[in-house]
Amino acid sequence: MSTVEAFTTPEPAELAVPQRRRMSGLRGQPLPVKIGGAILVLMALLALLAPVIAPYGQNELDFNNLLSGPSFQHFFGTDESGRDIFSRTLYALRVDLAIVVFVTYIPLPIGVLVGAIGGYFGGWVDAVISRVTDVMIAFPFFVLVIAVIAIVGPGVKGMLIGVPIAAWALYARLARSEMLVLREQQFMLATTALGYSRRRAIFRHAVPNLMRSALIYSTIDMVVNLLLLASLAYLGLGAQPPNAELGSIINEGQSSLLSAWWVATLPGLVIVLFGIAAGLVGDGLSDGRRR
């Protein structure tokens, strides 16, 4: 029996089908995943439709309702300038979610591809990629982002540049560790026996199988990036006034926390809700993968 005949593996189109089926099986996911997914979709819709559904402009002033508590007129109350906190939260969520999605899912495919290449080839290629990855992971992430902001100036540009510079490394480490196991699987060995190119083996067969773990991790990474963005805005390094961000709204309400708790607390609860929803989705998908 020849070496080619020893591998009883389906053709590439058939190899890709089981992975697509596993990736598209959201209907069979547990209840926590559905709940978390529904919350994330709802928050995304509210953010996307903020100019339509927000009852007031994000900087519209109402001097008759300064530091007014939550009511039917102002769902989240108003701040010391009479601005509607609910409207500002919607606009802030719109900006923050757009930035979080960008800085999370731009580095993801880059990191997965780099890790897949290192794990597949091994040797000096893997050594170089691993050392670069180690340096990026060991470097203080928050300090790196602040350093970029110091160069380009306060605003979202620093976040958009600084986070992707280092964020790919974690995805590369995850993809590399899985690739070391994946390359010994029969369907990957079959790509060599059948004479497929290394590019085809990595892009067509390895990367689709590595993406699931990366997507699961990305749910937690989104929460970390949202907290980072809120922290930078809290320090005054995020979007500059009059644009609203969740961190800046919380910062503005800090001085009146005891007398007007809603200014800082309710936008903060939005961040907490996002973290809970993303955690439910990530944990549910991870449990489903183990099963």
C-alpha atoms as a PDB file:
ATOM      1  CA  MET A   1       0.000   0.000   0.000  1.00  0.00           C
ATOM      2  CA  SER A   2       1.391   3.384  -0.949  1.00  0.00           C
ATOM      3  CA  THR A   3       1.761   6.277   1.434  1.00  0.00           C
ATOM      4  CA  VAL A   4      -1.066   8.169  -0.254  1.00  0.00           C
ATOM      5  CA  GLU A   5      -3.427   5.222   0.017  1.00  0.00           C
ATOM      6  CA  ALA A   6      -2.664   4.862   3.727  1.00  0.00           C
ATOM      7  CA  PHE A   7      -4.504   8.094   4.436  1.00  0.00           C
ATOM      8  CA  THR A   8      -8.241   7.730   4.143  1.00  0.00           C
ATOM      9  CA  THR A   9      -9.087  11.407   4.254  1.00  0.00           C
ATOM     10  CA  PRO A  10     -11.856  13.267   2.431  1.00  0.00           C
ATOM     11  CA  GLU A  11     -11.267  15.920  -0.138  1.00  0.00           C
ATOM     12  CA  PRO A  12     -10.701  19.550   1.003  1.00  0.00           C
ATOM     13  CA  ALA A  13     -14.331  20.542   0.506  1.00  0.00           C
ATOM     14  CA  GLU A  14     -15.386  17.673   2.741  1.00  0.00           C
ATOM     15  CA  LEU A  15     -12.734  18.468   5.314  1.00  0.00           C
ATOM     16  CA  ALA A  16     -14.104  21.959   5.788  1.00  0.00           C
ATOM     17  CA  VAL A  17     -17.740  20.880   6.253  1.00  0.00           C
ATOM     18  CA  PRO A  18     -17.522  19.516   9.841  1.00  0.00           C
ATOM     19  CA  GLN A  19     -15.808  22.697  11.016  1.00  0.00           C
ATOM     20  CA  ARG A  20     -18.472  24.901   9.452  1.00  0.00           C
ATOM     21  CA  ARG A  21     -21.154  22.799  11.075  1.00  0.00           C
ATOM     22  CA  ARG A  22     -19.557  23.146  14.482  1.00  0.00           C
ATOM     23  CA  MET A  23     -19.129  26.880  14.042  1.00  0.00           C
ATOM     24  CA  SER A  24     -22.722  27.394  12.975  1.00  0.00           C
ATOM     25  CA  GLY A  25     -24.360  25.376  15.734  1.00  0.00           C
ATOM     26  CA  LEU A  26     -25.497  28.352  17.821  1.00  0.00           C
ATOM     27  CA  ARG A  27     -29.073  27.088  17.897  1.00  0.00           C
ATOM     28  CA  GLY A  28     -27.976  24.181  20.041  1.00  0.00           C
ATOM     29  CA  GLN A  29     -26.022  26.309  22.498  1.00  0.00           C
ATOM     30  CA  PRO A  30     -27.022  26.381  26.198  1.00  0.00           C
ATOM     31  CA  LEU A  31     -29.298  29.029  27.666  1.00  0.00           C
ATOM     32  CA  PRO A  32     -26.492  31.245  29.108  1.00  0.00           C
ATOM     33  CA  VAL A  33     -25.038  31.676  25.613  1.00  0.00           C
ATOM     34  CA  LYS A  34     -28.426  32.694  24.241  1.00  0.00           C
ATOM     35  CA  ILE A  35     -29.007  35.133  27.098  1.00  0.00           C
ATOM     36  CA  GLY A  36     -25.539  36.666  26.781  1.00  0.00           C
ATOM     37  CA  GLY A  37     -25.841  36.860  23.012  1.00  0.00           C
ATOM     38  CA  ALA A  38     -29.255  38.518  23.254  1.00  0.00           C
ATOM     39  CA  ILE A  39     -27.889  41.144  25.658  1.00  0.00           C
ATOM     40  CA  LEU A  40     -24.922  41.887  23.394  1.00  0.00           C
ATOM     41  CA  VAL A  41     -27.152  42.174  20.325  1.00  0.00           C
ATOM     42  CA  LEU A  42     -29.535  44.474  22.200  1.00  0.00           C
ATOM     43  CA  MET A  43     -26.677  46.696  23.365  1.00  0.00           C
ATOM     44  CA  ALA A  44     -25.265  46.822  19.840  1.00  0.00           C
ATOM     45  CA  LEU A  45     -28.653  47.804  18.426  1.00  0.00           C
ATOM     46  CA  LEU A  46     -29.149  50.506  21.059  1.00  0.00           C
ATOM     47  CA  ALA A  47     -25.694  51.875  20.300  1.00  0.00           C
ATOM     48  CA  LEU A  48     -26.225  51.745  16.544  1.00  0.00           C
ATOM     49  CA  LEU A  49     -29.610  53.472  16.744  1.00  0.00           C
ATOM     50  CA  ALA A  50     -28.541  56.029  19.361  1.00  0.00           C
ATOM     51  CA  PRO A  51     -29.235  59.075  17.128  1.00  0.00           C
ATOM     52  CA  VAL A  52     -32.756  57.730  16.534  1.00  0.00           C
ATOM     53  CA  ILE A  53     -33.854  56.466  19.935  1.00  0.00           C
ATOM     54  CA  ALA A  54     -31.967  58.840  22.260  1.00  0.00           C
ATOM     55  CA  PRO A  55     -34.574  61.235  23.731  1.00  0.00           C
ATOM     56  CA  TYR A  56     -32.045  64.096  23.872  1.00  0.00           C
ATOM     57  CA  GLY A  57     -28.789  65.078  22.249  1.00  0.00           C
ATOM     58  CA  GLN A  58     -25.658  63.956  24.044  1.00  0.00           C
ATOM     59  CA  ASN A  59     -24.807  67.589  24.908  1.00  0.00           C
ATOM     60  CA  GLU A  60     -28.318  69.045  25.097  1.00  0.00           C
ATOM     61  CA  LEU A  61     -28.682  71.147  28.249  1.00  0.00           C
ATOM     62  CA  ASP A  62     -31.734  71.338  30.498  1.00  0.00           C
ATOM     63  CA  PHE A  63     -31.163  73.969  33.162  1.00  0.00           C
ATOM     64  CA  ASN A  64     -34.518  73.204  34.764  1.00  0.00           C
ATOM     65  CA  ASN A  65     -33.324  69.688  35.698  1.00  0.00           C
ATOM     66  CA  LEU A  66     -29.822  69.954  37.117  1.00  0.00           C
ATOM     67  CA  LEU A  67     -28.761  66.715  38.876  1.00  0.00           C
ATOM     68  CA  SER A  68     -32.302  65.408  38.502  1.00  0.00           C
ATOM     69  CA  GLY A  69     -32.783  61.791  39.552  1.00  0.00           C
ATOM     70  CA  PRO A  70     -33.993  58.968  37.274  1.00  0.00           C
ATOM     71  CA  SER A  71     -37.545  59.542  36.060  1.00  0.00           C
ATOM     72  CA  PHE A  72     -39.785  58.950  33.060  1.00  0.00           C
ATOM     73  CA  GLN A  73     -38.495  62.196  31.607  1.00  0.00           C
ATOM     74  CA  HIS A  74     -34.835  61.312  32.174  1.00  0.00           C
ATOM     75  CA  PHE A  75     -34.412  57.529  32.528  1.00  0.00           C
ATOM     76  CA  PHE A  76     -30.877  57.737  33.964  1.00  0.00           C
ATOM     77  CA  GLY A  77     -31.267  61.210  35.458  1.00  0.00           C
ATOM     78  CA  THR A  78     -29.229  64.287  34.526  1.00  0.00           C
ATOM     79  CA  ASP A  79     -25.781  65.576  35.416  1.00  0.00           C
ATOM     80  CA  GLU A  80     -24.756  68.903  36.926  1.00  0.00           C
ATOM     81  CA  SER A  81     -25.137  70.596  33.523  1.00  0.00           C
ATOM     82  CA  GLY A  82     -28.620  69.176  32.926  1.00  0.00           C
ATOM     83  CA  ARG A  83     -27.517  66.716  30.248  1.00  0.00           C
ATOM     84  CA  ASP A  84     -29.523  63.501  29.954  1.00  0.00           C
ATOM     85  CA  ILE A  85     -27.384  60.602  31.201  1.00  0.00           C
ATOM     86  CA  PHE A  86     -29.348  57.961  29.265  1.00  0.00           C
ATOM     87  CA  SER A  87     -28.785  59.749  25.962  1.00  0.00           C
ATOM     88  CA  ARG A  88     -25.119  60.305  26.728  1.00  0.00           C
ATOM     89  CA  THR A  89     -24.747  56.624  27.659  1.00  0.00           C
ATOM     90  CA  LEU A  90     -26.217  55.519  24.322  1.00  0.00           C
ATOM     91  CA  TYR A  91     -23.876  57.770  22.377  1.00  0.00           C
ATOM     92  CA  ALA A  92     -20.921  56.709  24.540  1.00  0.00           C
ATOM     93  CA  LEU A  93     -21.794  53.044  24.036  1.00  0.00           C
ATOM     94  CA  ARG A  94     -21.880  53.624  20.293  1.00  0.00           C
ATOM     95  CA  VAL A  95     -18.336  54.998  20.297  1.00  0.00           C
ATOM     96  CA  ASP A  96     -16.958  52.472  22.775  1.00  0.00           C
ATOM     97  CA  LEU A  97     -18.377  49.367  21.094  1.00  0.00           C
ATOM     98  CA  ALA A  98     -17.089  50.452  17.695  1.00  0.00           C
ATOM     99  CA  ILE A  99     -13.590  50.939  19.115  1.00  0.00           C
ATOM    100  CA  VAL A 100     -13.707  47.687  21.093  1.00  0.00           C
ATOM    101  CA  VAL A 101     -14.763  45.641  18.053  1.00  0.00           C
ATOM    102  CA  PHE A 102     -11.986  47.224  15.972  1.00  0.00           C
ATOM    103  CA  VAL A 103      -9.160  46.692  18.475  1.00  0.00           C
ATOM    104  CA  THR A 104     -10.335  43.138  19.245  1.00  0.00           C
ATOM    105  CA  TYR A 105     -11.022  41.666  15.816  1.00  0.00           C
ATOM    106  CA  ILE A 106      -8.272  43.360  13.804  1.00  0.00           C
ATOM    107  CA  PRO A 107      -5.424  41.700  15.795  1.00  0.00           C
ATOM    108  CA  LEU A 108      -7.282  38.361  16.030  1.00  0.00           C
ATOM    109  CA  PRO A 109      -6.715  37.009  12.472  1.00  0.00           C
ATOM    110  CA  ILE A 110      -3.174  38.412  12.458  1.00  0.00           C
ATOM    111  CA  GLY A 111      -2.300  36.639  15.695  1.00  0.00           C
ATOM    112  CA  VAL A 112      -3.923  33.368  14.636  1.00  0.00           C
ATOM    113  CA  LEU A 113      -2.048  33.370  11.336  1.00  0.00           C
ATOM    114  CA  VAL A 114       1.300  34.180  12.959  1.00  0.00           C
ATOM    115  CA  GLY A 115       0.810  31.489  15.603  1.00  0.00           C
ATOM    116  CA  ALA A 116      -0.279  28.941  12.998  1.00  0.00           C
ATOM    117  CA  ILE A 117       2.848  29.594  10.918  1.00  0.00           C
ATOM    118  CA  GLY A 118       5.133  29.239  13.931  1.00  0.00           C
ATOM    119  CA  GLY A 119       3.491  26.056  15.157  1.00  0.00           C
ATOM    120  CA  TYR A 120       3.366  24.476  11.698  1.00  0.00           C
ATOM    121  CA  PHE A 121       6.966  25.092  10.620  1.00  0.00           C
ATOM    122  CA  GLY A 122       8.675  24.826  13.999  1.00  0.00           C
ATOM    123  CA  GLY A 123      12.451  25.251  14.171  1.00  0.00           C
ATOM    124  CA  TRP A 124      13.931  28.736  13.885  1.00  0.00           C
ATOM    125  CA  VAL A 125      10.671  30.162  12.505  1.00  0.00           C
ATOM    126  CA  ASP A 126       8.833  29.093  15.647  1.00  0.00           C
ATOM    127  CA  ALA A 127      11.687  30.302  17.848  1.00  0.00           C
ATOM    128  CA  VAL A 128      11.677  33.805  16.345  1.00  0.00           C
ATOM    129  CA  ILE A 129       7.900  34.137  16.489  1.00  0.00           C
ATOM    130  CA  SER A 130       7.806  32.814  20.064  1.00  0.00           C
ATOM    131  CA  ARG A 131      10.454  35.277  21.274  1.00  0.00           C
ATOM    132  CA  VAL A 132       8.704  38.239  19.672  1.00  0.00           C
ATOM    133  CA  THR A 133       5.410  37.056  21.145  1.00  0.00           C
ATOM    134  CA  ASP A 134       6.984  36.708  24.598  1.00  0.00           C
ATOM    135  CA  VAL A 135       8.346  40.256  24.432  1.00  0.00           C
ATOM    136  CA  MET A 136       4.950  41.695  23.458  1.00  0.00           C
ATOM    137  CA  ILE A 137       3.164  39.769  26.213  1.00  0.00           C
ATOM    138  CA  ALA A 138       5.750  40.698  28.860  1.00  0.00           C
ATOM    139  CA  PHE A 139       5.639  44.418  28.014  1.00  0.00           C
ATOM    140  CA  PRO A 140       3.143  46.308  30.226  1.00  0.00           C
ATOM    141  CA  PHE A 141       0.106  46.622  27.995  1.00  0.00           C
ATOM    142  CA  PHE A 142      -1.380  49.699  29.648  1.00  0.00           C
ATOM    143  CA  VAL A 143       1.958  51.507  29.582  1.00  0.00           C
ATOM    144  CA  LEU A 144       2.332  50.784  25.865  1.00  0.00           C
ATOM    145  CA  VAL A 145      -1.078  52.275  25.071  1.00  0.00           C
ATOM    146  CA  ILE A 146      -0.353  55.371  27.172  1.00  0.00           C
ATOM    147  CA  ALA A 147       3.013  55.754  25.419  1.00  0.00           C
ATOM    148  CA  VAL A 148       1.277  55.708  22.027  1.00  0.00           C
ATOM    149  CA  ILE A 149      -1.273  58.251  23.278  1.00  0.00           C
ATOM    150  CA  ALA A 150       1.586  60.459  24.466  1.00  0.00           C
ATOM    151  CA  ILE A 151       2.962  60.423  20.906  1.00  0.00           C
ATOM    152  CA  VAL A 152      -0.253  60.908  18.918  1.00  0.00           C
ATOM    153  CA  GLY A 153      -2.125  62.955  21.536  1.00  0.00           C
ATOM    154  CA  PRO A 154      -5.264  62.287  23.624  1.00  0.00           C
ATOM    155  CA  GLY A 155      -8.179  60.725  21.799  1.00  0.00           C
ATOM    156  CA  VAL A 156      -9.314  57.431  20.343  1.00  0.00           C
ATOM    157  CA  LYS A 157      -6.459  57.355  17.808  1.00  0.00           C
ATOM    158  CA  GLY A 158      -3.983  56.254  20.469  1.00  0.00           C
ATOM    159  CA  MET A 159      -6.257  53.378  21.485  1.00  0.00           C
ATOM    160  CA  LEU A 160      -6.769  52.319  17.861  1.00  0.00           C
ATOM    161  CA  ILE A 161      -3.013  52.200  17.305  1.00  0.00           C
ATOM    162  CA  GLY A 162      -1.698  51.040  20.669  1.00  0.00           C
ATOM    163  CA  VAL A 163      -3.936  48.049  21.369  1.00  0.00           C
ATOM    164  CA  PRO A 164      -3.458  46.163  18.060  1.00  0.00           C
ATOM    165  CA  ILE A 165       0.325  46.568  18.361  1.00  0.00           C
ATOM    166  CA  ALA A 166       0.358  44.155  21.302  1.00  0.00           C
ATOM    167  CA  ALA A 167      -3.029  42.402  21.265  1.00  0.00           C
ATOM    168  CA  TRP A 168      -2.104  39.979  18.451  1.00  0.00           C
ATOM    169  CA  ALA A 169       0.492  38.288  20.678  1.00  0.00           C
ATOM    170  CA  LEU A 170      -2.022  36.511  22.925  1.00  0.00           C
ATOM    171  CA  TYR A 171      -3.879  35.114  19.918  1.00  0.00           C
ATOM    172  CA  ALA A 172      -0.561  34.025  18.406  1.00  0.00           C
ATOM    173  CA  ARG A 173       0.401  32.187  21.607  1.00  0.00           C
ATOM    174  CA  LEU A 174      -2.981  30.444  21.720  1.00  0.00           C
ATOM    175  CA  ALA A 175      -2.891  29.480  18.027  1.00  0.00           C
ATOM    176  CA  ARG A 176       0.686  28.214  18.227  1.00  0.00           C
ATOM    177  CA  SER A 177      -0.032  25.910  21.156  1.00  0.00           C
ATOM    178  CA  GLU A 178      -3.011  24.412  19.351  1.00  0.00           C
ATOM    179  CA  MET A 179      -1.122  24.149  16.076  1.00  0.00           C
ATOM    180  CA  LEU A 180       1.555  21.982  17.695  1.00  0.00           C
ATOM    181  CA  VAL A 181      -1.159  19.407  18.373  1.00  0.00           C
ATOM    182  CA  LEU A 182      -3.137  20.002  15.206  1.00  0.00           C
ATOM    183  CA  ARG A 183      -0.230  19.426  12.824  1.00  0.00           C
ATOM    184  CA  GLU A 184       0.055  15.837  14.080  1.00  0.00           C
ATOM    185  CA  GLN A 185      -3.580  15.047  13.273  1.00  0.00           C
ATOM    186  CA  GLN A 186      -4.285  12.693  10.384  1.00  0.00           C
ATOM    187  CA  PHE A 187      -6.033  15.237   8.198  1.00  0.00           C
ATOM    188  CA  MET A 188      -3.021  17.574   8.474  1.00  0.00           C
ATOM    189  CA  LEU A 189      -0.595  14.741   7.711  1.00  0.00           C
ATOM    190  CA  ALA A 190      -2.784  13.892   4.737  1.00  0.00           C
ATOM    191  CA  THR A 191      -2.228  17.343   3.245  1.00  0.00           C
ATOM    192  CA  THR A 192       1.483  16.527   3.019  1.00  0.00           C
ATOM    193  CA  ALA A 193       0.921  13.033   1.665  1.00  0.00           C
ATOM    194  CA  LEU A 194      -1.440  14.332  -0.996  1.00  0.00           C
ATOM    195  CA  GLY A 195       1.074  16.938  -2.102  1.00  0.00           C
ATOM    196  CA  TYR A 196      -0.826  20.032  -1.000  1.00  0.00           C
ATOM    197  CA  SER A 197       1.201  23.202  -0.571  1.00  0.00           C
ATOM    198  CA  ARG A 198       2.031  24.470   2.897  1.00  0.00           C
ATOM    199  CA  ARG A 199      -0.004  27.592   2.237  1.00  0.00           C
ATOM    200  CA  ARG A 200      -3.052  25.472   1.469  1.00  0.00           C
ATOM    201  CA  ALA A 201      -2.477  23.305   4.533  1.00  0.00           C
ATOM    202  CA  ILE A 202      -2.300  26.350   6.817  1.00  0.00           C
ATOM    203  CA  PHE A 203      -5.030  28.550   5.320  1.00  0.00           C
ATOM    204  CA  ARG A 204      -7.539  25.911   4.195  1.00  0.00           C
ATOM    205  CA  HIS A 205      -7.207  23.312   6.941  1.00  0.00           C
ATOM    206  CA  ALA A 206      -5.355  24.635  10.005  1.00  0.00           C
ATOM    207  CA  VAL A 207      -6.593  28.212  10.453  1.00  0.00           C
ATOM    208  CA  PRO A 208     -10.344  27.361  10.321  1.00  0.00           C
ATOM    209  CA  ASN A 209      -9.801  24.893  13.158  1.00  0.00           C
ATOM    210  CA  LEU A 210      -7.800  27.425  15.181  1.00  0.00           C
ATOM    211  CA  MET A 211     -10.324  30.242  14.870  1.00  0.00           C
ATOM    212  CA  ARG A 212     -12.857  28.777  17.285  1.00  0.00           C
ATOM    213  CA  SER A 213     -10.572  29.010  20.326  1.00  0.00           C
ATOM    214  CA  ALA A 214      -9.534  32.510  19.294  1.00  0.00           C
ATOM    215  CA  LEU A 215     -13.158  33.622  18.962  1.00  0.00           C
ATOM    216  CA  ILE A 216     -13.965  32.191  22.389  1.00  0.00           C
ATOM    217  CA  TYR A 217     -11.076  34.103  23.921  1.00  0.00           C
ATOM    218  CA  SER A 218     -12.096  37.261  22.071  1.00  0.00           C
ATOM    219  CA  THR A 219     -15.257  37.524  24.200  1.00  0.00           C
ATOM    220  CA  ILE A 220     -13.071  38.068  27.266  1.00  0.00           C
ATOM    221  CA  ASP A 221     -10.685  40.265  25.313  1.00  0.00           C
ATOM    222  CA  MET A 222     -13.589  42.564  24.411  1.00  0.00           C
ATOM    223  CA  VAL A 223     -14.347  43.087  28.096  1.00  0.00           C
ATOM    224  CA  VAL A 224     -10.695  43.873  28.832  1.00  0.00           C
ATOM    225  CA  ASN A 225     -10.561  46.342  25.952  1.00  0.00           C
ATOM    226  CA  LEU A 226     -13.777  48.033  27.074  1.00  0.00           C
ATOM    227  CA  LEU A 227     -12.371  48.408  30.598  1.00  0.00           C
ATOM    228  CA  LEU A 228      -9.141  49.763  29.145  1.00  0.00           C
ATOM    229  CA  LEU A 229     -11.060  52.270  27.033  1.00  0.00           C
ATOM    230  CA  ALA A 230     -13.178  53.315  30.006  1.00  0.00           C
ATOM    231  CA  SER A 231     -10.031  53.698  32.126  1.00  0.00           C
ATOM    232  CA  LEU A 232      -8.347  55.906  29.534  1.00  0.00           C
ATOM    233  CA  ALA A 233     -11.497  58.016  29.209  1.00  0.00           C
ATOM    234  CA  TYR A 234     -11.681  58.244  33.007  1.00  0.00           C
ATOM    235  CA  LEU A 235      -8.138  59.632  33.007  1.00  0.00           C
ATOM    236  CA  GLY A 236      -9.018  62.113  30.266  1.00  0.00           C
ATOM    237  CA  LEU A 237      -7.007  60.286  27.583  1.00  0.00           C
ATOM    238  CA  GLY A 238      -9.962  58.997  25.568  1.00  0.00           C
ATOM    239  CA  ALA A 239     -12.399  60.828  23.328  1.00  0.00           C
ATOM    240  CA  GLN A 240     -12.206  64.521  24.105  1.00  0.00           C
ATOM    241  CA  PRO A 241     -15.232  66.692  25.025  1.00  0.00           C
ATOM    242  CA  PRO A 242     -17.890  67.236  23.918  1.00  0.00           C
ATOM    243  CA  ASN A 243     -17.901  63.569  22.783  1.00  0.00           C
ATOM    244  CA  ALA A 244     -19.148  61.199  25.458  1.00  0.00           C
ATOM    245  CA  GLU A 245     -17.513  57.962  26.611  1.00  0.00           C
ATOM    246  CA  LEU A 246     -18.565  55.703  29.440  1.00  0.00           C
ATOM    247  CA  GLY A 247     -15.344  56.365  31.355  1.00  0.00           C
ATOM    248  CA  SER A 248     -15.626  60.134  30.988  1.00  0.00           C
ATOM    249  CA  ILE A 249     -19.265  60.094  32.143  1.00  0.00           C
ATOM    250  CA  ILE A 250     -18.238  58.123  35.232  1.00  0.00           C
ATOM    251  CA  ASN A 251     -15.406  60.570  35.871  1.00  0.00           C
ATOM    252  CA  GLU A 252     -17.759  63.549  35.621  1.00  0.00           C
ATOM    253  CA  GLY A 253     -20.096  61.955  38.180  1.00  0.00           C
ATOM    254  CA  GLN A 254     -17.370  61.134  40.694  1.00  0.00           C
ATOM    255  CA  SER A 255     -17.531  64.520  42.422  1.00  0.00           C
ATOM    256  CA  SER A 256     -21.272  64.155  43.030  1.00  0.00           C
ATOM    257  CA  LEU A 257     -21.330  60.442  43.764  1.00  0.00           C
ATOM    258  CA  LEU A 258     -22.915  60.763  47.219  1.00  0.00           C
ATOM    259  CA  SER A 259     -25.551  63.313  46.238  1.00  0.00           C
ATOM    260  CA  ALA A 260     -26.208  62.179  42.638  1.00  0.00           C
ATOM    261  CA  TRP A 261     -25.245  58.505  42.533  1.00  0.00           C
ATOM    262  CA  TRP A 262     -26.951  57.880  39.173  1.00  0.00           C
ATOM    263  CA  VAL A 263     -24.471  59.974  37.154  1.00  0.00           C
ATOM    264  CA  ALA A 264     -21.590  57.540  37.681  1.00  0.00           C
ATOM    265  CA  THR A 265     -23.392  54.372  38.791  1.00  0.00           C
ATOM    266  CA  LEU A 266     -25.784  53.730  35.905  1.00  0.00           C
ATOM    267  CA  PRO A 267     -23.189  54.083  33.103  1.00  0.00           C
ATOM    268  CA  GLY A 268     -20.912  51.885  35.209  1.00  0.00           C
ATOM    269  CA  LEU A 269     -23.628  49.229  35.358  1.00  0.00           C
ATOM    270  CA  VAL A 270     -23.740  49.272  31.557  1.00  0.00           C
ATOM    271  CA  ILE A 271     -20.067  48.236  31.521  1.00  0.00           C
ATOM    272  CA  VAL A 272     -20.799  45.517  34.075  1.00  0.00           C
ATOM    273  CA  LEU A 273     -23.734  44.245  32.004  1.00  0.00           C
ATOM    274  CA  PHE A 274     -21.540  44.067  28.904  1.00  0.00           C
ATOM    275  CA  GLY A 275     -18.921  42.104  30.823  1.00  0.00           C
ATOM    276  CA  ILE A 276     -21.489  39.637  32.180  1.00  0.00           C
ATOM    277  CA  ALA A 277     -23.019  39.090  28.734  1.00  0.00           C
ATOM    278  CA  ALA A 278     -19.644  38.557  27.042  1.00  0.00           C
ATOM    279  CA  GLY A 279     -18.615  36.208  29.849  1.00  0.00           C
ATOM    280  CA  LEU A 280     -21.773  34.127  29.443  1.00  0.00           C
ATOM    281  CA  VAL A 281     -21.152  33.772  25.717  1.00  0.00           C
ATOM    282  CA  GLY A 282     -17.485  32.881  26.161  1.00  0.00           C
ATOM    283  CA  ASP A 283     -18.051  30.343  28.947  1.00  0.00           C
ATOM    284  CA  GLY A 284     -20.947  28.739  27.091  1.00  0.00           C
ATOM    285  CA  LEU A 285     -18.996  28.368  23.851  1.00  0.00           C
ATOM    286  CA  SER A 286     -16.019  27.009  25.779  1.00  0.00           C
ATOM    287  CA  ASP A 287     -18.183  24.414  27.539  1.00  0.00           C
ATOM    288  CA  GLY A 288     -19.766  23.435  24.242  1.00  0.00           C
ATOM    289  CA  ARG A 289     -16.308  22.977  22.695  1.00  0.00           C
ATOM    290  CA  ARG A 290     -15.205  20.646  25.505  1.00  0.00           C
ATOM    291  CA  ARG A 291     -18.343  18.565  25.073  1.00  0.00           C
END
